[in-house]
């Protein structure tokens, strides 16, 4: 293997490791909460008393359906509630 190719591979590996660590750190620092009443039909995140899992909401804006959002954002959306309605 040529030294240029080896150097390129080493730089690429270092950059990839650096970027994945930064992504994990940002994701871990972000707190999330369930936001009820804002999911569109078929776009909910998971189970409710009415069905087993994601993508099964029948109507948009159902107060029992939720999606995950960054903490504090739900209260800024019209119709959004941090607790089930």
PDB file of N, CA and C in Angstrom:
ATOM      1  N   UNK A   1       0.856  -1.169   0.000  1.00  0.00           N
ATOM      2  CA  UNK A   1       0.000   0.000   0.000  1.00  0.00           C
ATOM      3  C   UNK A   1       0.901   1.229   0.000  1.00  0.00           C
ATOM      4  N   UNK A   2       0.574   2.184  -0.831  1.00  0.00           N
ATOM      5  CA  UNK A   2       1.379   3.392  -0.897  1.00  0.00           C
ATOM      6  C   UNK A   2       1.190   4.222   0.367  1.00  0.00           C
ATOM      7  N   UNK A   3       2.200   5.038   0.651  1.00  0.00           N
ATOM      8  CA  UNK A   3       2.127   5.852   1.870  1.00  0.00           C
ATOM      9  C   UNK A   3       1.018   6.901   1.775  1.00  0.00           C
ATOM     10  N   UNK A   4       0.725   7.396   0.557  1.00  0.00           N
ATOM     11  CA  UNK A   4      -0.371   8.370   0.386  1.00  0.00           C
ATOM     12  C   UNK A   4      -1.716   7.725   0.713  1.00  0.00           C
ATOM     13  N   UNK A   5      -1.903   6.503   0.234  1.00  0.00           N
ATOM     14  CA  UNK A   5      -3.158   5.799   0.476  1.00  0.00           C
ATOM     15  C   UNK A   5      -3.316   5.474   1.964  1.00  0.00           C
ATOM     16  N   UNK A   6      -2.233   5.043   2.608  1.00  0.00           N
ATOM     17  CA  UNK A   6      -2.273   4.737   4.038  1.00  0.00           C
ATOM     18  C   UNK A   6      -2.579   5.985   4.846  1.00  0.00           C
ATOM     19  N   UNK A   7      -1.980   7.100   4.485  1.00  0.00           N
ATOM     20  CA  UNK A   7      -2.227   8.359   5.174  1.00  0.00           C
ATOM     21  C   UNK A   7      -3.678   8.802   4.984  1.00  0.00           C
ATOM     22  N   UNK A   8      -4.203   8.652   3.780  1.00  0.00           N
ATOM     23  CA  UNK A   8      -5.600   9.010   3.509  1.00  0.00           C
ATOM     24  C   UNK A   8      -6.556   8.161   4.337  1.00  0.00           C
ATOM     25  N   UNK A   9      -6.288   6.867   4.418  1.00  0.00           N
ATOM     26  CA  UNK A   9      -7.128   5.981   5.219  1.00  0.00           C
ATOM     27  C   UNK A   9      -7.067   6.334   6.703  1.00  0.00           C
ATOM     28  N   UNK A  10      -5.884   6.665   7.199  1.00  0.00           N
ATOM     29  CA  UNK A  10      -5.727   7.038   8.603  1.00  0.00           C
ATOM     30  C   UNK A  10      -6.486   8.323   8.920  1.00  0.00           C
ATOM     31  N   UNK A  11      -6.429   9.297   8.031  1.00  0.00           N
ATOM     32  CA  UNK A  11      -7.151  10.563   8.226  1.00  0.00           C
ATOM     33  C   UNK A  11      -8.654  10.322   8.183  1.00  0.00           C
ATOM     34  N   UNK A  12      -9.107   9.523   7.234  1.00  0.00           N
ATOM     35  CA  UNK A  12     -10.536   9.220   7.132  1.00  0.00           C
ATOM     36  C   UNK A  12     -11.041   8.513   8.383  1.00  0.00           C
ATOM     37  N   UNK A  13     -10.264   7.568   8.900  1.00  0.00           N
ATOM     38  CA  UNK A  13     -10.661   6.845  10.113  1.00  0.00           C
ATOM     39  C   UNK A  13     -10.728   7.793  11.308  1.00  0.00           C
ATOM     40  N   UNK A  14      -9.772   8.690  11.420  1.00  0.00           N
ATOM     41  CA  UNK A  14      -9.760   9.644  12.534  1.00  0.00           C
ATOM     42  C   UNK A  14     -10.955  10.586  12.459  1.00  0.00           C
ATOM     43  N   UNK A  15     -11.267  11.071  11.267  1.00  0.00           N
ATOM     44  CA  UNK A  15     -12.420  11.973  11.098  1.00  0.00           C
ATOM     45  C   UNK A  15     -13.732  11.254  11.404  1.00  0.00           C
ATOM     46  N   UNK A  16     -13.858  10.023  10.950  1.00  0.00           N
ATOM     47  CA  UNK A  16     -15.077   9.253  11.205  1.00  0.00           C
ATOM     48  C   UNK A  16     -15.271   9.021  12.695  1.00  0.00           C
ATOM     49  N   UNK A  17     -14.226   8.654  13.390  1.00  0.00           N
ATOM     50  CA  UNK A  17     -14.316   8.430  14.838  1.00  0.00           C
ATOM     51  C   UNK A  17     -14.693   9.725  15.549  1.00  0.00           C
ATOM     52  N   UNK A  18     -14.120  10.825  15.126  1.00  0.00           N
ATOM     53  CA  UNK A  18     -14.401  12.126  15.734  1.00  0.00           C
ATOM     54  C   UNK A  18     -15.850  12.531  15.522  1.00  0.00           C
ATOM     55  N   UNK A  19     -16.365  12.364  14.320  1.00  0.00           N
ATOM     56  CA  UNK A  19     -17.745  12.746  14.026  1.00  0.00           C
ATOM     57  C   UNK A  19     -18.746  11.874  14.769  1.00  0.00           C
ATOM     58  N   UNK A  20     -18.505  10.580  14.860  1.00  0.00           N
ATOM     59  CA  UNK A  20     -19.452   9.702  15.554  1.00  0.00           C
ATOM     60  C   UNK A  20     -19.477  10.012  17.044  1.00  0.00           C
ATOM     61  N   UNK A  21     -18.351  10.354  17.629  1.00  0.00           N
ATOM     62  CA  UNK A  21     -18.311  10.726  19.044  1.00  0.00           C
ATOM     63  C   UNK A  21     -19.082  12.011  19.274  1.00  0.00           C
ATOM     64  N   UNK A  22     -18.943  12.989  18.383  1.00  0.00           N
ATOM     65  CA  UNK A  22     -19.661  14.252  18.528  1.00  0.00           C
ATOM     66  C   UNK A  22     -21.158  14.033  18.414  1.00  0.00           C
ATOM     67  N   UNK A  23     -21.603  13.177  17.515  1.00  0.00           N
ATOM     68  CA  UNK A  23     -23.024  12.896  17.344  1.00  0.00           C
ATOM     69  C   UNK A  23     -23.591  12.231  18.592  1.00  0.00           C
ATOM     70  N   UNK A  24     -22.889  11.278  19.150  1.00  0.00           N
ATOM     71  CA  UNK A  24     -23.346  10.602  20.363  1.00  0.00           C
ATOM     72  C   UNK A  24     -23.435  11.585  21.517  1.00  0.00           C
ATOM     73  N   UNK A  25     -22.451  12.461  21.651  1.00  0.00           N
ATOM     74  CA  UNK A  25     -22.447  13.446  22.730  1.00  0.00           C
ATOM     75  C   UNK A  25     -23.630  14.394  22.599  1.00  0.00           C
ATOM     76  N   UNK A  26     -23.910  14.890  21.407  1.00  0.00           N
ATOM     77  CA  UNK A  26     -25.037  15.803  21.195  1.00  0.00           C
ATOM     78  C   UNK A  26     -26.344  15.091  21.492  1.00  0.00           C
ATOM     79  N   UNK A  27     -26.505  13.863  21.011  1.00  0.00           N
ATOM     80  CA  UNK A  27     -27.737  13.115  21.222  1.00  0.00           C
ATOM     81  C   UNK A  27     -27.958  12.840  22.709  1.00  0.00           C
ATOM     82  N   UNK A  28     -26.911  12.479  23.429  1.00  0.00           N
ATOM     83  CA  UNK A  28     -27.038  12.177  24.854  1.00  0.00           C
ATOM     84  C   UNK A  28     -27.391  13.419  25.658  1.00  0.00           C
ATOM     85  N   UNK A  29     -26.932  14.581  25.215  1.00  0.00           N
ATOM     86  CA  UNK A  29     -27.187  15.821  25.947  1.00  0.00           C
ATOM     87  C   UNK A  29     -28.609  16.338  25.729  1.00  0.00           C
ATOM     88  N   UNK A  30     -29.275  15.894  24.677  1.00  0.00           N
ATOM     89  CA  UNK A  30     -30.617  16.358  24.370  1.00  0.00           C
ATOM     90  C   UNK A  30     -31.634  15.543  25.147  1.00  0.00           C
ATOM     91  N   UNK A  31     -32.426  16.201  25.968  1.00  0.00           N
ATOM     92  CA  UNK A  31     -33.497  15.535  26.715  1.00  0.00           C
ATOM     93  C   UNK A  31     -34.742  15.526  25.845  1.00  0.00           C
ATOM     94  N   UNK A  32     -35.495  14.457  25.903  1.00  0.00           N
ATOM     95  CA  UNK A  32     -36.710  14.341  25.103  1.00  0.00           C
ATOM     96  C   UNK A  32     -37.911  14.091  26.002  1.00  0.00           C
ATOM     97  N   UNK A  33     -39.092  14.377  25.470  1.00  0.00           N
ATOM     98  CA  UNK A  33     -40.327  14.085  26.180  1.00  0.00           C
ATOM     99  C   UNK A  33     -41.399  13.721  25.163  1.00  0.00           C
ATOM    100  N   UNK A  34     -42.417  13.018  25.639  1.00  0.00           N
ATOM    101  CA  UNK A  34     -43.550  12.691  24.786  1.00  0.00           C
ATOM    102  C   UNK A  34     -44.401  13.942  24.642  1.00  0.00           C
ATOM    103  N   UNK A  35     -44.842  14.216  23.418  1.00  0.00           N
ATOM    104  CA  UNK A  35     -45.702  15.369  23.159  1.00  0.00           C
ATOM    105  C   UNK A  35     -47.015  14.844  22.571  1.00  0.00           C
ATOM    106  N   UNK A  36     -48.083  15.017  23.318  1.00  0.00           N
ATOM    107  CA  UNK A  36     -49.398  14.513  22.937  1.00  0.00           C
ATOM    108  C   UNK A  36     -50.178  15.574  22.173  1.00  0.00           C
ATOM    109  N   UNK A  37     -51.026  15.132  21.259  1.00  0.00           N
ATOM    110  CA  UNK A  37     -51.951  16.018  20.568  1.00  0.00           C
ATOM    111  C   UNK A  37     -51.424  16.670  19.309  1.00  0.00           C
ATOM    112  N   UNK A  38     -50.216  16.350  18.883  1.00  0.00           N
ATOM    113  CA  UNK A  38     -49.665  16.999  17.687  1.00  0.00           C
ATOM    114  C   UNK A  38     -49.307  16.023  16.569  1.00  0.00           C
ATOM    115  N   UNK A  39     -49.430  14.733  16.822  1.00  0.00           N
ATOM    116  CA  UNK A  39     -49.068  13.739  15.799  1.00  0.00           C
ATOM    117  C   UNK A  39     -50.089  13.738  14.666  1.00  0.00           C
ATOM    118  N   UNK A  40     -49.594  13.641  13.447  1.00  0.00           N
ATOM    119  CA  UNK A  40     -50.479  13.496  12.287  1.00  0.00           C
ATOM    120  C   UNK A  40     -50.921  12.034  12.190  1.00  0.00           C
ATOM    121  N   UNK A  41     -52.018  11.807  11.504  1.00  0.00           N
ATOM    122  CA  UNK A  41     -52.512  10.440  11.299  1.00  0.00           C
ATOM    123  C   UNK A  41     -51.406   9.585  10.676  1.00  0.00           C
ATOM    124  N   UNK A  42     -51.143   8.435  11.278  1.00  0.00           N
ATOM    125  CA  UNK A  42     -50.128   7.527  10.770  1.00  0.00           C
ATOM    126  C   UNK A  42     -48.697   7.919  11.091  1.00  0.00           C
ATOM    127  N   UNK A  43     -48.488   8.974  11.876  1.00  0.00           N
ATOM    128  CA  UNK A  43     -47.132   9.451  12.156  1.00  0.00           C
ATOM    129  C   UNK A  43     -46.796   9.454  13.650  1.00  0.00           C
ATOM    130  N   UNK A  44     -47.601   8.781  14.477  1.00  0.00           N
ATOM    131  CA  UNK A  44     -47.313   8.722  15.913  1.00  0.00           C
ATOM    132  C   UNK A  44     -46.078   7.864  16.172  1.00  0.00           C
ATOM    133  N   UNK A  45     -45.473   8.036  17.350  1.00  0.00           N
ATOM    134  CA  UNK A  45     -44.237   7.310  17.642  1.00  0.00           C
ATOM    135  C   UNK A  45     -44.439   5.924  18.240  1.00  0.00           C
ATOM    136  N   UNK A  46     -45.445   5.711  19.067  1.00  0.00           N
ATOM    137  CA  UNK A  46     -45.594   4.354  19.600  1.00  0.00           C
ATOM    138  C   UNK A  46     -46.971   4.108  20.196  1.00  0.00           C
ATOM    139  N   UNK A  47     -47.064   3.060  20.967  1.00  0.00           N
ATOM    140  CA  UNK A  47     -48.343   2.528  21.450  1.00  0.00           C
ATOM    141  C   UNK A  47     -49.151   3.486  22.314  1.00  0.00           C
ATOM    142  N   UNK A  48     -50.467   3.302  22.269  1.00  0.00           N
ATOM    143  CA  UNK A  48     -51.430   3.993  23.123  1.00  0.00           C
ATOM    144  C   UNK A  48     -52.422   2.928  23.586  1.00  0.00           C
ATOM    145  N   UNK A  49     -53.413   3.298  24.378  1.00  0.00           N
ATOM    146  CA  UNK A  49     -54.427   2.308  24.756  1.00  0.00           C
ATOM    147  C   UNK A  49     -55.238   1.798  23.555  1.00  0.00           C
ATOM    148  N   UNK A  50     -55.158   2.484  22.398  1.00  0.00           N
ATOM    149  CA  UNK A  50     -55.965   2.132  21.229  1.00  0.00           C
ATOM    150  C   UNK A  50     -55.281   1.209  20.232  1.00  0.00           C
ATOM    151  N   UNK A  51     -53.944   1.116  20.259  1.00  0.00           N
ATOM    152  CA  UNK A  51     -53.222   0.281  19.292  1.00  0.00           C
ATOM    153  C   UNK A  51     -51.852  -0.095  19.827  1.00  0.00           C
ATOM    154  N   UNK A  52     -51.147  -0.962  19.113  1.00  0.00           N
ATOM    155  CA  UNK A  52     -49.912  -1.552  19.614  1.00  0.00           C
ATOM    156  C   UNK A  52     -48.640  -0.743  19.360  1.00  0.00           C
ATOM    157  N   UNK A  53     -48.574   0.028  18.268  1.00  0.00           N
ATOM    158  CA  UNK A  53     -47.285   0.682  18.033  1.00  0.00           C
ATOM    159  C   UNK A  53     -47.335   1.851  17.052  1.00  0.00           C
ATOM    160  N   UNK A  54     -46.147   2.259  16.608  1.00  0.00           N
ATOM    161  CA  UNK A  54     -45.963   3.451  15.781  1.00  0.00           C
ATOM    162  C   UNK A  54     -46.703   3.385  14.452  1.00  0.00           C
ATOM    163  N   UNK A  55     -47.091   4.561  13.974  1.00  0.00           N
ATOM    164  CA  UNK A  55     -47.695   4.676  12.655  1.00  0.00           C
ATOM    165  C   UNK A  55     -49.131   4.215  12.565  1.00  0.00           C
ATOM    166  N   UNK A  56     -49.797   4.047  13.686  1.00  0.00           N
ATOM    167  CA  UNK A  56     -51.162   3.531  13.651  1.00  0.00           C
ATOM    168  C   UNK A  56     -52.210   4.547  14.093  1.00  0.00           C
ATOM    169  N   UNK A  57     -51.840   5.804  14.268  1.00  0.00           N
ATOM    170  CA  UNK A  57     -52.815   6.835  14.641  1.00  0.00           C
ATOM    171  C   UNK A  57     -53.832   6.988  13.516  1.00  0.00           C
ATOM    172  N   UNK A  58     -55.104   7.004  13.873  1.00  0.00           N
ATOM    173  CA  UNK A  58     -56.171   7.097  12.864  1.00  0.00           C
ATOM    174  C   UNK A  58     -56.475   8.543  12.468  1.00  0.00           C
ATOM    175  N   UNK A  59     -56.319   9.498  13.413  1.00  0.00           N
ATOM    176  CA  UNK A  59     -56.638  10.902  13.121  1.00  0.00           C
ATOM    177  C   UNK A  59     -55.498  11.810  13.570  1.00  0.00           C
ATOM    178  N   UNK A  60     -55.369  12.942  12.920  1.00  0.00           N
ATOM    179  CA  UNK A  60     -54.371  13.937  13.306  1.00  0.00           C
ATOM    180  C   UNK A  60     -54.845  14.682  14.543  1.00  0.00           C
ATOM    181  N   UNK A  61     -53.922  15.025  15.426  1.00  0.00           N
ATOM    182  CA  UNK A  61     -54.231  15.824  16.597  1.00  0.00           C
ATOM    183  C   UNK A  61     -54.920  15.083  17.734  1.00  0.00           C
ATOM    184  N   UNK A  62     -54.963  13.758  17.684  1.00  0.00           N
ATOM    185  CA  UNK A  62     -55.582  12.968  18.752  1.00  0.00           C
ATOM    186  C   UNK A  62     -54.801  13.185  20.046  1.00  0.00           C
ATOM    187  N   UNK A  63     -55.483  13.526  21.117  1.00  0.00           N
ATOM    188  CA  UNK A  63     -54.842  13.846  22.386  1.00  0.00           C
ATOM    189  C   UNK A  63     -54.227  12.632  23.074  1.00  0.00           C
ATOM    190  N   UNK A  64     -54.473  11.434  22.581  1.00  0.00           N
ATOM    191  CA  UNK A  64     -53.879  10.208  23.133  1.00  0.00           C
ATOM    192  C   UNK A  64     -52.628   9.776  22.362  1.00  0.00           C
ATOM    193  N   UNK A  65     -52.423  10.336  21.186  1.00  0.00           N
ATOM    194  CA  UNK A  65     -51.269   9.988  20.346  1.00  0.00           C
ATOM    195  C   UNK A  65     -50.108  10.925  20.671  1.00  0.00           C
ATOM    196  N   UNK A  66     -48.871  10.407  20.555  1.00  0.00           N
ATOM    197  CA  UNK A  66     -47.712  11.227  20.889  1.00  0.00           C
ATOM    198  C   UNK A  66     -46.552  10.997  19.938  1.00  0.00           C
ATOM    199  N   UNK A  67     -45.630  11.969  19.948  1.00  0.00           N
ATOM    200  CA  UNK A  67     -44.348  11.868  19.265  1.00  0.00           C
ATOM    201  C   UNK A  67     -43.285  12.374  20.237  1.00  0.00           C
ATOM    202  N   UNK A  68     -42.059  11.910  20.090  1.00  0.00           N
ATOM    203  CA  UNK A  68     -40.963  12.380  20.942  1.00  0.00           C
ATOM    204  C   UNK A  68     -40.441  13.702  20.389  1.00  0.00           C
ATOM    205  N   UNK A  69     -40.191  14.642  21.292  1.00  0.00           N
ATOM    206  CA  UNK A  69     -39.669  15.951  20.922  1.00  0.00           C
ATOM    207  C   UNK A  69     -38.635  16.384  21.957  1.00  0.00           C
ATOM    208  N   UNK A  70     -37.762  17.320  21.590  1.00  0.00           N
ATOM    209  CA  UNK A  70     -36.849  17.867  22.593  1.00  0.00           C
ATOM    210  C   UNK A  70     -37.648  18.494  23.732  1.00  0.00           C
ATOM    211  N   UNK A  71     -37.189  18.294  24.948  1.00  0.00           N
ATOM    212  CA  UNK A  71     -37.879  18.789  26.136  1.00  0.00           C
ATOM    213  C   UNK A  71     -38.107  20.299  26.029  1.00  0.00           C
ATOM    214  N   UNK A  72     -39.341  20.730  26.324  1.00  0.00           N
ATOM    215  CA  UNK A  72     -39.700  22.144  26.305  1.00  0.00           C
ATOM    216  C   UNK A  72     -40.319  22.615  24.998  1.00  0.00           C
ATOM    217  N   UNK A  73     -40.128  21.873  23.907  1.00  0.00           N
ATOM    218  CA  UNK A  73     -40.659  22.277  22.609  1.00  0.00           C
ATOM    219  C   UNK A  73     -42.157  22.037  22.514  1.00  0.00           C
ATOM    220  N   UNK A  74     -42.653  20.994  23.129  1.00  0.00           N
ATOM    221  CA  UNK A  74     -44.068  20.631  23.043  1.00  0.00           C
ATOM    222  C   UNK A  74     -44.977  21.769  23.524  1.00  0.00           C
ATOM    223  N   UNK A  75     -44.581  22.411  24.611  1.00  0.00           N
ATOM    224  CA  UNK A  75     -45.391  23.490  25.179  1.00  0.00           C
ATOM    225  C   UNK A  75     -45.480  24.705  24.252  1.00  0.00           C
ATOM    226  N   UNK A  76     -44.606  24.792  23.263  1.00  0.00           N
ATOM    227  CA  UNK A  76     -44.600  25.922  22.337  1.00  0.00           C
ATOM    228  C   UNK A  76     -45.470  25.686  21.113  1.00  0.00           C
ATOM    229  N   UNK A  77     -46.001  24.478  20.969  1.00  0.00           N
ATOM    230  CA  UNK A  77     -46.809  24.124  19.809  1.00  0.00           C
ATOM    231  C   UNK A  77     -48.279  24.172  20.182  1.00  0.00           C
ATOM    232  N   UNK A  78     -49.099  24.813  19.356  1.00  0.00           N
ATOM    233  CA  UNK A  78     -50.532  24.872  19.604  1.00  0.00           C
ATOM    234  C   UNK A  78     -51.086  23.456  19.617  1.00  0.00           C
ATOM    235  N   UNK A  79     -51.760  23.103  20.699  1.00  0.00           N
ATOM    236  CA  UNK A  79     -52.334  21.766  20.840  1.00  0.00           C
ATOM    237  C   UNK A  79     -51.409  20.763  21.490  1.00  0.00           C
ATOM    238  N   UNK A  80     -50.137  21.112  21.678  1.00  0.00           N
ATOM    239  CA  UNK A  80     -49.176  20.185  22.273  1.00  0.00           C
ATOM    240  C   UNK A  80     -49.310  20.143  23.789  1.00  0.00           C
ATOM    241  N   UNK A  81     -49.225  18.925  24.331  1.00  0.00           N
ATOM    242  CA  UNK A  81     -49.309  18.728  25.780  1.00  0.00           C
ATOM    243  C   UNK A  81     -48.255  17.709  26.196  1.00  0.00           C
ATOM    244  N   UNK A  82     -47.562  17.971  27.281  1.00  0.00           N
ATOM    245  CA  UNK A  82     -46.545  17.041  27.762  1.00  0.00           C
ATOM    246  C   UNK A  82     -47.179  15.853  28.493  1.00  0.00           C
ATOM    247  N   UNK A  83     -48.470  15.927  28.774  1.00  0.00           N
ATOM    248  CA  UNK A  83     -49.191  14.812  29.406  1.00  0.00           C
ATOM    249  C   UNK A  83     -50.388  14.453  28.542  1.00  0.00           C
ATOM    250  N   UNK A  84     -50.764  13.192  28.567  1.00  0.00           N
ATOM    251  CA  UNK A  84     -51.897  12.716  27.765  1.00  0.00           C
ATOM    252  C   UNK A  84     -53.173  13.417  28.176  1.00  0.00           C
ATOM    253  N   UNK A  85     -53.986  13.806  27.179  1.00  0.00           N
ATOM    254  CA  UNK A  85     -55.232  14.514  27.438  1.00  0.00           C
ATOM    255  C   UNK A  85     -56.436  13.650  27.518  1.00  0.00           C
TER     256      UNK A  85
END
